[in-house]
Protein backbone atom coordinates (compact mmCIF):
# COMPACT_ATOMS: atom_id res chain seq x y z
CA UNK A 1 29.71 -43.45 0.09
CA UNK A 2 27.05 -44.81 -1.83
CA UNK A 3 24.54 -42.75 0.29
CA UNK A 4 26.41 -39.28 -0.61
CA UNK A 5 26.61 -40.23 -4.29
CA UNK A 6 22.72 -40.90 -4.40
CA UNK A 7 21.99 -37.70 -2.46
CA UNK A 8 24.16 -35.35 -4.82
CA UNK A 9 22.16 -36.84 -7.19
CA UNK A 10 18.84 -35.97 -5.93
CA UNK A 11 20.06 -32.59 -5.40
CA UNK A 12 21.27 -32.03 -8.97
CA UNK A 13 17.73 -33.53 -10.12
CA UNK A 14 16.06 -31.01 -7.88
CA UNK A 15 18.28 -27.99 -9.04
CA UNK A 16 17.88 -29.57 -12.74
CA UNK A 17 14.02 -28.86 -12.39
CA UNK A 18 14.00 -25.74 -10.81
CA UNK A 19 16.42 -24.21 -12.78
CA UNK A 20 14.44 -25.45 -16.38
CA UNK A 21 11.47 -24.46 -14.66
CA UNK A 22 12.91 -21.32 -14.35
CA UNK A 23 13.81 -20.83 -17.54
CA UNK A 24 10.56 -22.58 -19.70
CA UNK A 25 7.86 -20.35 -20.63
CA UNK A 26 4.94 -23.39 -19.81
CA UNK A 27 6.00 -23.55 -16.49
CA UNK A 28 3.01 -23.82 -14.25
CA UNK A 29 3.86 -24.01 -11.07
CA UNK A 30 1.83 -26.01 -8.29
CA UNK A 31 1.60 -26.99 -4.35
CA UNK A 32 -0.67 -29.43 -3.01
CA UNK A 33 -1.09 -32.38 -0.18
CA UNK A 34 -2.50 -35.74 -0.06
CA UNK A 35 -3.63 -38.49 2.68
CA UNK A 36 -3.67 -42.35 1.85
CA UNK A 37 -3.08 -46.02 3.03
CA UNK A 38 0.50 -47.12 3.35
CA UNK A 39 2.17 -50.07 4.39
CA UNK A 40 2.61 -48.19 7.82
CA UNK A 41 -0.80 -47.15 8.22
CA UNK A 42 -2.19 -43.40 7.38
CA UNK A 43 0.26 -41.21 5.50
CA UNK A 44 0.69 -37.96 4.63
CA UNK A 45 2.28 -36.19 1.74
CA UNK A 46 2.87 -32.69 0.97
CA UNK A 47 4.23 -31.80 -2.57
CA UNK A 48 5.02 -28.98 -5.39
CA UNK A 49 6.20 -29.14 -9.14
CA UNK A 50 5.40 -27.46 -12.28
CA UNK A 51 5.22 -28.48 -15.98
CA UNK A 52 7.76 -27.41 -17.90
CA UNK A 53 6.41 -28.64 -21.30
CA UNK A 54 2.64 -29.91 -22.06
CA UNK A 55 3.93 -33.22 -21.52
CA UNK A 56 7.00 -33.21 -19.01
CA UNK A 57 7.59 -31.41 -15.45
CA UNK A 58 9.17 -32.30 -12.05
CA UNK A 59 8.04 -32.72 -8.62
CA UNK A 60 9.21 -32.34 -5.20
CA UNK A 61 7.34 -34.04 -2.22
CA UNK A 62 7.52 -34.85 1.79
CA UNK A 63 5.67 -37.85 2.62
CA UNK A 64 5.08 -39.45 5.98
CA UNK A 65 3.91 -43.29 5.81
CA UNK A 66 2.78 -42.92 9.68
CA UNK A 67 3.60 -45.32 12.24
CA UNK A 68 2.61 -48.97 12.67
CA UNK A 69 3.24 -51.15 16.14
CA UNK A 70 4.61 -54.55 14.83
CA UNK A 71 2.09 -57.37 15.90
CA UNK A 72 2.75 -58.91 19.15
CA UNK A 73 5.48 -56.58 20.45
CA UNK A 74 5.82 -52.95 21.53
CA UNK A 75 7.88 -52.65 18.93
CA UNK A 76 6.87 -49.40 16.78
CA UNK A 77 7.74 -48.66 13.34
CA UNK A 78 7.62 -45.61 11.14
CA UNK A 79 9.26 -43.65 7.91
CA UNK A 80 9.34 -40.67 6.17
CA UNK A 81 10.74 -40.00 2.71
CA UNK A 82 12.04 -36.46 0.88
CA UNK A 83 12.40 -36.86 -2.87
CA UNK A 84 11.91 -35.53 -6.18
CA UNK A 85 10.96 -36.99 -9.32
CA UNK A 86 10.30 -36.10 -13.35
CA UNK A 87 6.66 -36.08 -14.10
CA UNK A 88 4.94 -36.98 -17.90
CA UNK A 89 1.39 -36.14 -17.97
CA UNK A 90 -0.94 -37.13 -20.76
CA UNK A 91 -4.85 -35.67 -21.28
CA UNK A 92 -7.90 -38.14 -21.35
CA UNK A 93 -9.92 -34.81 -21.57
CA UNK A 94 -9.62 -31.52 -21.02
CA UNK A 95 -10.48 -32.04 -17.36
CA UNK A 96 -8.65 -35.19 -16.86
CA UNK A 97 -5.42 -36.51 -17.45
CA UNK A 98 -2.93 -39.52 -16.59
CA UNK A 99 0.51 -39.08 -14.93
CA UNK A 100 3.69 -40.51 -14.26
CA UNK A 101 7.07 -39.98 -12.14
CA UNK A 102 9.90 -41.23 -11.10
CA UNK A 103 12.71 -40.28 -9.10
CA UNK A 104 15.12 -40.32 -6.00
CA UNK A 105 13.96 -40.29 -2.49
CA UNK A 106 16.02 -40.46 0.67
CA UNK A 107 14.15 -42.76 2.45
CA UNK A 108 14.11 -42.56 6.51
CA UNK A 109 13.02 -45.27 8.87
CA UNK A 110 12.45 -45.57 13.20
CA UNK A 111 12.19 -48.18 15.09
CA UNK A 112 11.34 -47.67 18.80
CA UNK A 113 11.09 -49.97 21.04
CA UNK A 114 13.02 -52.74 19.87
CA UNK A 115 16.24 -53.98 19.34
CA UNK A 116 15.91 -53.32 15.30
CA UNK A 117 18.52 -50.83 14.18
CA UNK A 118 16.90 -47.38 12.40
CA UNK A 119 17.70 -47.10 8.94
CA UNK A 120 18.18 -44.47 6.20
CA UNK A 121 18.73 -44.86 2.08
CA UNK A 122 17.83 -43.45 -1.28
CA UNK A 123 15.57 -45.32 -2.86
CA UNK A 124 13.70 -45.34 -6.40
CA UNK A 125 10.44 -43.77 -5.82
CA UNK A 126 7.79 -44.56 -9.31
CA UNK A 127 4.07 -43.31 -8.90
CA UNK A 128 0.97 -43.34 -11.54
CA UNK A 129 -1.85 -41.28 -11.08
CA UNK A 130 -5.07 -39.65 -12.05
CA UNK A 131 -5.93 -35.68 -12.27
CA UNK A 132 -9.35 -34.27 -12.82
CA UNK A 133 -9.06 -30.47 -12.95
CA UNK A 134 -12.49 -29.99 -11.70
CA UNK A 135 -11.75 -26.09 -11.44
CA UNK A 136 -9.39 -23.33 -12.71
CA UNK A 137 -7.67 -23.28 -8.99
CA UNK A 138 -7.71 -27.14 -7.99
CA UNK A 139 -7.42 -30.21 -9.18
CA UNK A 140 -8.21 -33.77 -7.22
CA UNK A 141 -5.41 -36.21 -7.39
CA UNK A 142 -5.72 -40.20 -7.00
CA UNK A 143 -2.14 -41.50 -6.94
CA UNK A 144 -0.32 -44.79 -6.13
CA UNK A 145 3.07 -44.68 -5.40
CA UNK A 146 6.05 -46.80 -4.54
CA UNK A 147 9.05 -45.53 -2.94
CA UNK A 148 12.03 -48.12 -2.29
CA UNK A 149 9.65 -51.16 -3.30
CA UNK A 150 8.16 -53.50 -0.69
CA UNK A 151 7.23 -51.56 2.40
CA UNK A 152 6.93 -48.08 0.56
CA UNK A 153 3.59 -48.02 -0.86
CA UNK A 154 1.42 -45.44 -1.10
CA UNK A 155 -2.34 -45.01 -2.06
CA UNK A 156 -3.33 -41.92 -1.75
CA UNK A 157 -6.41 -38.94 -2.65
CA UNK A 158 -4.90 -35.67 -2.82
CA UNK A 159 -5.73 -31.91 -3.46
CA UNK A 160 -3.68 -29.60 -6.21
CA UNK A 161 -3.42 -26.07 -6.65
CA UNK A 162 -1.85 -24.16 -9.31
CA UNK A 163 0.28 -20.80 -7.86
């Protein structure tokens, strides 16, 4: 029951962000990808979102946290997350800005070769980052995000492209 309500909340958040973006004149959509270090090894992320105002926006993402073989065993752990977040951004200069984000994520972990059960849950994700708009058609992102607290940390370097 808890998971259904949480998933409905994520869906409502994504729908509200999409509708707000569709009606906002300042909407600036973007897509991108990132690679980085996670608690399970090397992770990758695909994301997309939009600015609704000069400060606030939304972002949706699909994250793979990679996989890791537990020490002294054949047990392998992997995880991925799908979620959405509200964003806030502040300019430090005409080409550099900082941002923060917070939202709900469906987190799925999988274990193979061991007795640990697979799991899934909806978790809070929070992150901060630095965005460098090095050209009109691309920006570089450095970001730290934690999805679900311990075990969901992701430090990444990515590229963002306006649509």
